[in-house]
């Protein structure tokens, strides 16, 4: 009986918080995937329509928007991680996005396996 209580305590104190953290991290990666997919779609739309100038609304924060004009859309800045941004042409950005999508997919798979392992341990 003592072992059962210790295991229940282990599940409550260690495994359940680990499961919650792993699921939250996977959700963050899935959100990053969505952002890069949206960027890819926008770049492809710009290429398809040959747009070199753009008028748009930019969110300054707290849902405050201003109208902005982009005089040259052929070069874009993409956040590559750790707060760094790199200027890319459309084709360079699409190549980077493809590589980034593969890396993010691997991270999602890793978190999914980790979540499955934790759930299996909890069900014991």
Foldseek 3Di string as FASTA:
>chain_A
DVVVVVLVVCCVPPLVVVLVVLVVVLVVLVVVLVVLVVVLVVLVVCVVVVDQKDWDWDQPPPRDIDIDIDNGPQWDWDDPDPRDTDIDGSVRSNVSSVVSNVVSVVSSVVSVVVNVVSVVSSVD
